[in-house]
Amino acid sequence: MYISETKIVVRYAETDQMGIVHHSNYYIWFEQGRTDYIKESNMSYSDMEERGILMPLAESSCKYIQGAKYEDELIIKTWVSHLSPVKVVFNYSVIREKDQKEISKGSTVHAFVNKDLKIMNIKKTHSDIYEKLQTLM
């Protein structure tokens, strides 16, 4: 199983009054990890969209274990735990680099749909993309 790693440094604007990263930022980081994961399969979200494949979010979860703070250097580990012709499940682990402590973990579920937002079977319609994603599992 392939695990992508995305490095992020917490910006001041991402913290709240308590000096801890606001919870909403984790989903932004998950998206960056997911984008990097797909790029590492030699395609991009833009490539997929140009070919008529959209990936709307169907479900998300995040467990906050410990807060990140301003200037913390983080690693977002991203991997696919489930791939079917109609959906994909991405998993994430947010690691604070200095002590290698997992501070958060989560997942997102995405459907494969066409531009009319109808579920599509990408194994049938875009077998090359399905195979690229499958090789990373």
Foldseek 3Di string as FASTA:
>chain_A
DAKDKDKDFAAQVQADPVQFGDPVVVVVVLVVRVQVVLVVLVAGQVRCVVVFKDWDWDDKDKDFAATDGHGFMKIWIKDWPDDFQFKTKIKIWIARPVVRDTGMIMMIMITIAGPVRHTDRCCVVPVVSSVSNVVND
